[in-house]
């Protein structure tokens, strides 16, 4: 098992165990960025947040980790 395989395995385990906390963190970061930009880029920030959650959820191939 290579370095990247090991890292992916550990990240997948973390998402399995703490998916709800990670999702909340992504939402909070998006809200913070939206507030700092004055709402100018709200649609782009929301899209990026959704894509980040989808990418994390697909790490183990199950699509069940994040709410």
PDB file of N, CA and C in Angstrom:
ATOM      1  N   UNK A   1       0.855  -1.180   0.000  1.00  0.00           N
ATOM      2  CA  UNK A   1       0.000   0.000   0.000  1.00  0.00           C
ATOM      3  C   UNK A   1       0.897   1.238   0.000  1.00  0.00           C
ATOM      4  N   UNK A   2       0.659   2.125  -0.919  1.00  0.00           N
ATOM      5  CA  UNK A   2       1.451   3.332  -1.026  1.00  0.00           C
ATOM      6  C   UNK A   2       0.974   4.421  -0.084  1.00  0.00           C
ATOM      7  N   UNK A   3       1.724   5.495  -0.083  1.00  0.00           N
ATOM      8  CA  UNK A   3       1.425   6.638   0.783  1.00  0.00           C
ATOM      9  C   UNK A   3       0.026   7.193   0.524  1.00  0.00           C
ATOM     10  N   UNK A   4      -0.324   7.382  -0.728  1.00  0.00           N
ATOM     11  CA  UNK A   4      -1.628   7.966  -1.047  1.00  0.00           C
ATOM     12  C   UNK A   4      -2.778   7.017  -0.714  1.00  0.00           C
ATOM     13  N   UNK A   5      -2.553   5.724  -0.888  1.00  0.00           N
ATOM     14  CA  UNK A   5      -3.584   4.756  -0.512  1.00  0.00           C
ATOM     15  C   UNK A   5      -3.839   4.794   0.989  1.00  0.00           C
ATOM     16  N   UNK A   6      -2.755   4.907   1.753  1.00  0.00           N
ATOM     17  CA  UNK A   6      -2.870   4.986   3.207  1.00  0.00           C
ATOM     18  C   UNK A   6      -3.586   6.272   3.623  1.00  0.00           C
ATOM     19  N   UNK A   7      -3.245   7.374   2.987  1.00  0.00           N
ATOM     20  CA  UNK A   7      -3.889   8.648   3.308  1.00  0.00           C
ATOM     21  C   UNK A   7      -5.376   8.605   2.963  1.00  0.00           C
ATOM     22  N   UNK A   8      -5.712   8.026   1.819  1.00  0.00           N
ATOM     23  CA  UNK A   8      -7.120   7.924   1.414  1.00  0.00           C
ATOM     24  C   UNK A   8      -7.895   7.053   2.396  1.00  0.00           C
ATOM     25  N   UNK A   9      -7.279   5.975   2.846  1.00  0.00           N
ATOM     26  CA  UNK A   9      -7.923   5.092   3.810  1.00  0.00           C
ATOM     27  C   UNK A   9      -8.204   5.823   5.117  1.00  0.00           C
ATOM     28  N   UNK A  10      -7.234   6.583   5.606  1.00  0.00           N
ATOM     29  CA  UNK A  10      -7.407   7.323   6.857  1.00  0.00           C
ATOM     30  C   UNK A  10      -8.462   8.411   6.705  1.00  0.00           C
ATOM     31  N   UNK A  11      -8.458   9.089   5.568  1.00  0.00           N
ATOM     32  CA  UNK A  11      -9.448  10.133   5.325  1.00  0.00           C
ATOM     33  C   UNK A  11     -10.846   9.532   5.215  1.00  0.00           C
ATOM     34  N   UNK A  12     -10.949   8.400   4.563  1.00  0.00           N
ATOM     35  CA  UNK A  12     -12.235   7.727   4.445  1.00  0.00           C
ATOM     36  C   UNK A  12     -12.772   7.320   5.813  1.00  0.00           C
ATOM     37  N   UNK A  13     -11.898   6.811   6.671  1.00  0.00           N
ATOM     38  CA  UNK A  13     -12.301   6.446   8.033  1.00  0.00           C
ATOM     39  C   UNK A  13     -12.775   7.672   8.810  1.00  0.00           C
ATOM     40  N   UNK A  14     -12.070   8.792   8.650  1.00  0.00           N
ATOM     41  CA  UNK A  14     -12.451  10.021   9.352  1.00  0.00           C
ATOM     42  C   UNK A  14     -13.821  10.508   8.878  1.00  0.00           C
ATOM     43  N   UNK A  15     -14.076  10.424   7.587  1.00  0.00           N
ATOM     44  CA  UNK A  15     -15.375  10.841   7.050  1.00  0.00           C
ATOM     45  C   UNK A  15     -16.469   9.923   7.569  1.00  0.00           C
ATOM     46  N   UNK A  16     -16.175   8.620   7.642  1.00  0.00           N
ATOM     47  CA  UNK A  16     -17.168   7.674   8.171  1.00  0.00           C
ATOM     48  C   UNK A  16     -17.528   7.998   9.620  1.00  0.00           C
ATOM     49  N   UNK A  17     -16.525   8.335  10.412  1.00  0.00           N
ATOM     50  CA  UNK A  17     -16.749   8.568  11.837  1.00  0.00           C
ATOM     51  C   UNK A  17     -17.290   9.963  12.143  1.00  0.00           C
ATOM     52  N   UNK A  18     -16.862  10.965  11.371  1.00  0.00           N
ATOM     53  CA  UNK A  18     -17.174  12.351  11.712  1.00  0.00           C
ATOM     54  C   UNK A  18     -17.797  13.120  10.550  1.00  0.00           C
ATOM     55  N   UNK A  19     -18.570  12.449   9.711  1.00  0.00           N
ATOM     56  CA  UNK A  19     -19.159  13.077   8.536  1.00  0.00           C
ATOM     57  C   UNK A  19     -20.047  14.257   8.858  1.00  0.00           C
ATOM     58  N   UNK A  20     -20.829  14.157   9.938  1.00  0.00           N
ATOM     59  CA  UNK A  20     -21.722  15.259  10.290  1.00  0.00           C
ATOM     60  C   UNK A  20     -20.942  16.491  10.723  1.00  0.00           C
ATOM     61  N   UNK A  21     -19.852  16.304  11.440  1.00  0.00           N
ATOM     62  CA  UNK A  21     -19.030  17.437  11.879  1.00  0.00           C
ATOM     63  C   UNK A  21     -18.318  18.088  10.692  1.00  0.00           C
ATOM     64  N   UNK A  22     -17.853  17.261   9.766  1.00  0.00           N
ATOM     65  CA  UNK A  22     -17.196  17.790   8.573  1.00  0.00           C
ATOM     66  C   UNK A  22     -18.190  18.586   7.737  1.00  0.00           C
ATOM     67  N   UNK A  23     -19.388  18.072   7.591  1.00  0.00           N
ATOM     68  CA  UNK A  23     -20.428  18.764   6.837  1.00  0.00           C
ATOM     69  C   UNK A  23     -20.753  20.117   7.469  1.00  0.00           C
ATOM     70  N   UNK A  24     -20.871  20.138   8.789  1.00  0.00           N
ATOM     71  CA  UNK A  24     -21.119  21.400   9.494  1.00  0.00           C
ATOM     72  C   UNK A  24     -19.981  22.385   9.272  1.00  0.00           C
ATOM     73  N   UNK A  25     -18.748  21.886   9.279  1.00  0.00           N
ATOM     74  CA  UNK A  25     -17.585  22.747   9.054  1.00  0.00           C
ATOM     75  C   UNK A  25     -17.575  23.346   7.662  1.00  0.00           C
ATOM     76  N   UNK A  26     -17.949  22.548   6.679  1.00  0.00           N
ATOM     77  CA  UNK A  26     -18.024  23.043   5.304  1.00  0.00           C
ATOM     78  C   UNK A  26     -19.096  24.125   5.199  1.00  0.00           C
ATOM     79  N   UNK A  27     -20.242  23.900   5.839  1.00  0.00           N
ATOM     80  CA  UNK A  27     -21.312  24.894   5.829  1.00  0.00           C
ATOM     81  C   UNK A  27     -20.879  26.188   6.519  1.00  0.00           C
ATOM     82  N   UNK A  28     -20.203  26.071   7.652  1.00  0.00           N
ATOM     83  CA  UNK A  28     -19.740  27.256   8.381  1.00  0.00           C
ATOM     84  C   UNK A  28     -18.711  28.033   7.573  1.00  0.00           C
ATOM     85  N   UNK A  29     -17.805  27.313   6.910  1.00  0.00           N
ATOM     86  CA  UNK A  29     -16.807  27.982   6.070  1.00  0.00           C
ATOM     87  C   UNK A  29     -17.478  28.709   4.911  1.00  0.00           C
ATOM     88  N   UNK A  30     -18.493  28.078   4.313  1.00  0.00           N
ATOM     89  CA  UNK A  30     -19.223  28.722   3.228  1.00  0.00           C
ATOM     90  C   UNK A  30     -19.963  29.961   3.696  1.00  0.00           C
ATOM     91  N   UNK A  31     -20.589  29.870   4.861  1.00  0.00           N
ATOM     92  CA  UNK A  31     -21.291  31.021   5.421  1.00  0.00           C
ATOM     93  C   UNK A  31     -20.329  32.166   5.723  1.00  0.00           C
ATOM     94  N   UNK A  32     -19.161  31.812   6.262  1.00  0.00           N
ATOM     95  CA  UNK A  32     -18.150  32.815   6.574  1.00  0.00           C
ATOM     96  C   UNK A  32     -17.669  33.519   5.303  1.00  0.00           C
ATOM     97  N   UNK A  33     -17.370  32.718   4.269  1.00  0.00           N
ATOM     98  CA  UNK A  33     -16.900  33.293   3.010  1.00  0.00           C
ATOM     99  C   UNK A  33     -17.982  34.163   2.373  1.00  0.00           C
ATOM    100  N   UNK A  34     -19.229  33.734   2.463  1.00  0.00           N
ATOM    101  CA  UNK A  34     -20.328  34.510   1.903  1.00  0.00           C
ATOM    102  C   UNK A  34     -20.468  35.843   2.636  1.00  0.00           C
ATOM    103  N   UNK A  35     -20.330  35.797   3.942  1.00  0.00           N
ATOM    104  CA  UNK A  35     -20.429  37.024   4.728  1.00  0.00           C
ATOM    105  C   UNK A  35     -19.276  37.979   4.406  1.00  0.00           C
ATOM    106  N   UNK A  36     -18.074  37.444   4.268  1.00  0.00           N
ATOM    107  CA  UNK A  36     -16.907  38.276   3.979  1.00  0.00           C
ATOM    108  C   UNK A  36     -16.966  38.905   2.597  1.00  0.00           C
ATOM    109  N   UNK A  37     -17.626  38.257   1.652  1.00  0.00           N
ATOM    110  CA  UNK A  37     -17.731  38.820   0.298  1.00  0.00           C
ATOM    111  C   UNK A  37     -18.998  39.646   0.127  1.00  0.00           C
ATOM    112  N   UNK A  38     -19.760  39.790   1.191  1.00  0.00           N
ATOM    113  CA  UNK A  38     -20.968  40.595   1.117  1.00  0.00           C
ATOM    114  C   UNK A  38     -22.062  39.955   0.279  1.00  0.00           C
ATOM    115  N   UNK A  39     -22.025  38.661   0.127  1.00  0.00           N
ATOM    116  CA  UNK A  39     -23.048  37.956  -0.642  1.00  0.00           C
ATOM    117  C   UNK A  39     -22.865  38.020  -2.147  1.00  0.00           C
ATOM    118  N   UNK A  40     -21.761  38.618  -2.606  1.00  0.00           N
ATOM    119  CA  UNK A  40     -21.535  38.765  -4.042  1.00  0.00           C
ATOM    120  C   UNK A  40     -21.389  37.428  -4.756  1.00  0.00           C
ATOM    121  N   UNK A  41     -20.809  36.463  -4.068  1.00  0.00           N
ATOM    122  CA  UNK A  41     -20.499  35.184  -4.703  1.00  0.00           C
ATOM    123  C   UNK A  41     -21.223  34.021  -4.027  1.00  0.00           C
ATOM    124  N   UNK A  42     -22.390  34.275  -3.497  1.00  0.00           N
ATOM    125  CA  UNK A  42     -23.137  33.273  -2.756  1.00  0.00           C
ATOM    126  C   UNK A  42     -23.431  32.021  -3.546  1.00  0.00           C
ATOM    127  N   UNK A  43     -23.779  32.172  -4.826  1.00  0.00           N
ATOM    128  CA  UNK A  43     -24.093  30.998  -5.642  1.00  0.00           C
ATOM    129  C   UNK A  43     -22.856  30.138  -5.887  1.00  0.00           C
ATOM    130  N   UNK A  44     -21.722  30.781  -6.093  1.00  0.00           N
ATOM    131  CA  UNK A  44     -20.475  30.038  -6.316  1.00  0.00           C
ATOM    132  C   UNK A  44     -20.012  29.352  -5.033  1.00  0.00           C
ATOM    133  N   UNK A  45     -20.177  30.015  -3.914  1.00  0.00           N
ATOM    134  CA  UNK A  45     -19.789  29.441  -2.629  1.00  0.00           C
ATOM    135  C   UNK A  45     -20.678  28.242  -2.302  1.00  0.00           C
ATOM    136  N   UNK A  46     -21.959  28.366  -2.539  1.00  0.00           N
ATOM    137  CA  UNK A  46     -22.886  27.249  -2.292  1.00  0.00           C
ATOM    138  C   UNK A  46     -22.549  26.059  -3.193  1.00  0.00           C
ATOM    139  N   UNK A  47     -22.224  26.333  -4.431  1.00  0.00           N
ATOM    140  CA  UNK A  47     -21.856  25.272  -5.365  1.00  0.00           C
ATOM    141  C   UNK A  47     -20.577  24.572  -4.918  1.00  0.00           C
ATOM    142  N   UNK A  48     -19.591  25.349  -4.472  1.00  0.00           N
ATOM    143  CA  UNK A  48     -18.330  24.770  -4.000  1.00  0.00           C
ATOM    144  C   UNK A  48     -18.552  23.932  -2.751  1.00  0.00           C
ATOM    145  N   UNK A  49     -19.407  24.386  -1.864  1.00  0.00           N
ATOM    146  CA  UNK A  49     -19.708  23.625  -0.645  1.00  0.00           C
ATOM    147  C   UNK A  49     -20.359  22.291  -0.990  1.00  0.00           C
ATOM    148  N   UNK A  50     -21.286  22.314  -1.920  1.00  0.00           N
ATOM    149  CA  UNK A  50     -21.954  21.086  -2.341  1.00  0.00           C
ATOM    150  C   UNK A  50     -20.966  20.119  -2.983  1.00  0.00           C
ATOM    151  N   UNK A  51     -20.092  20.643  -3.823  1.00  0.00           N
ATOM    152  CA  UNK A  51     -19.101  19.794  -4.480  1.00  0.00           C
ATOM    153  C   UNK A  51     -18.119  19.209  -3.463  1.00  0.00           C
ATOM    154  N   UNK A  52     -17.734  19.984  -2.461  1.00  0.00           N
ATOM    155  CA  UNK A  52     -16.824  19.487  -1.434  1.00  0.00           C
ATOM    156  C   UNK A  52     -17.472  18.351  -0.644  1.00  0.00           C
ATOM    157  N   UNK A  53     -18.730  18.514  -0.287  1.00  0.00           N
ATOM    158  CA  UNK A  53     -19.446  17.460   0.440  1.00  0.00           C
ATOM    159  C   UNK A  53     -19.585  16.204  -0.413  1.00  0.00           C
ATOM    160  N   UNK A  54     -19.901  16.375  -1.686  1.00  0.00           N
ATOM    161  CA  UNK A  54     -20.040  15.226  -2.583  1.00  0.00           C
ATOM    162  C   UNK A  54     -18.709  14.478  -2.727  1.00  0.00           C
ATOM    163  N   UNK A  55     -17.618  15.216  -2.864  1.00  0.00           N
ATOM    164  CA  UNK A  55     -16.306  14.591  -3.009  1.00  0.00           C
ATOM    165  C   UNK A  55     -15.933  13.799  -1.761  1.00  0.00           C
ATOM    166  N   UNK A  56     -16.170  14.361  -0.592  1.00  0.00           N
ATOM    167  CA  UNK A  56     -15.874  13.645   0.642  1.00  0.00           C
ATOM    168  C   UNK A  56     -16.758  12.420   0.799  1.00  0.00           C
ATOM    169  N   UNK A  57     -17.996  12.547   0.407  1.00  0.00           N
ATOM    170  CA  UNK A  57     -18.940  11.448   0.549  1.00  0.00           C
ATOM    171  C   UNK A  57     -18.584  10.277  -0.365  1.00  0.00           C
ATOM    172  N   UNK A  58     -17.966  10.552  -1.490  1.00  0.00           N
ATOM    173  CA  UNK A  58     -17.650   9.505  -2.453  1.00  0.00           C
ATOM    174  C   UNK A  58     -16.319   8.810  -2.173  1.00  0.00           C
ATOM    175  N   UNK A  59     -15.625   9.197  -1.124  1.00  0.00           N
ATOM    176  CA  UNK A  59     -14.334   8.592  -0.840  1.00  0.00           C
ATOM    177  C   UNK A  59     -14.409   7.078  -0.675  1.00  0.00           C
ATOM    178  N   UNK A  60     -15.435   6.603  -0.013  1.00  0.00           N
ATOM    179  CA  UNK A  60     -15.544   5.160   0.192  1.00  0.00           C
ATOM    180  C   UNK A  60     -16.485   4.515  -0.828  1.00  0.00           C
ATOM    181  N   UNK A  61     -17.026   5.294  -1.740  1.00  0.00           N
ATOM    182  CA  UNK A  61     -17.858   4.753  -2.796  1.00  0.00           C
ATOM    183  C   UNK A  61     -19.282   4.420  -2.372  1.00  0.00           C
ATOM    184  N   UNK A  62     -19.702   4.841  -1.196  1.00  0.00           N
ATOM    185  CA  UNK A  62     -21.023   4.485  -0.692  1.00  0.00           C
ATOM    186  C   UNK A  62     -22.039   5.625  -0.732  1.00  0.00           C
ATOM    187  N   UNK A  63     -21.591   6.867  -0.765  1.00  0.00           N
ATOM    188  CA  UNK A  63     -22.478   8.027  -0.756  1.00  0.00           C
ATOM    189  C   UNK A  63     -23.438   8.012   0.427  1.00  0.00           C
ATOM    190  N   UNK A  64     -22.919   7.744   1.607  1.00  0.00           N
ATOM    191  CA  UNK A  64     -23.765   7.652   2.783  1.00  0.00           C
ATOM    192  C   UNK A  64     -23.229   8.426   3.982  1.00  0.00           C
ATOM    193  N   UNK A  65     -22.126   9.110   3.838  1.00  0.00           N
ATOM    194  CA  UNK A  65     -21.441   9.663   4.991  1.00  0.00           C
ATOM    195  C   UNK A  65     -21.943  11.026   5.442  1.00  0.00           C
ATOM    196  N   UNK A  66     -22.236  11.891   4.508  1.00  0.00           N
ATOM    197  CA  UNK A  66     -22.590  13.261   4.860  1.00  0.00           C
ATOM    198  C   UNK A  66     -24.088  13.490   4.686  1.00  0.00           C
ATOM    199  N   UNK A  67     -24.658  14.202   5.639  1.00  0.00           N
ATOM    200  CA  UNK A  67     -26.105  14.489   5.535  1.00  0.00           C
ATOM    201  C   UNK A  67     -26.402  15.471   4.420  1.00  0.00           C
TER     202      UNK A  67
END
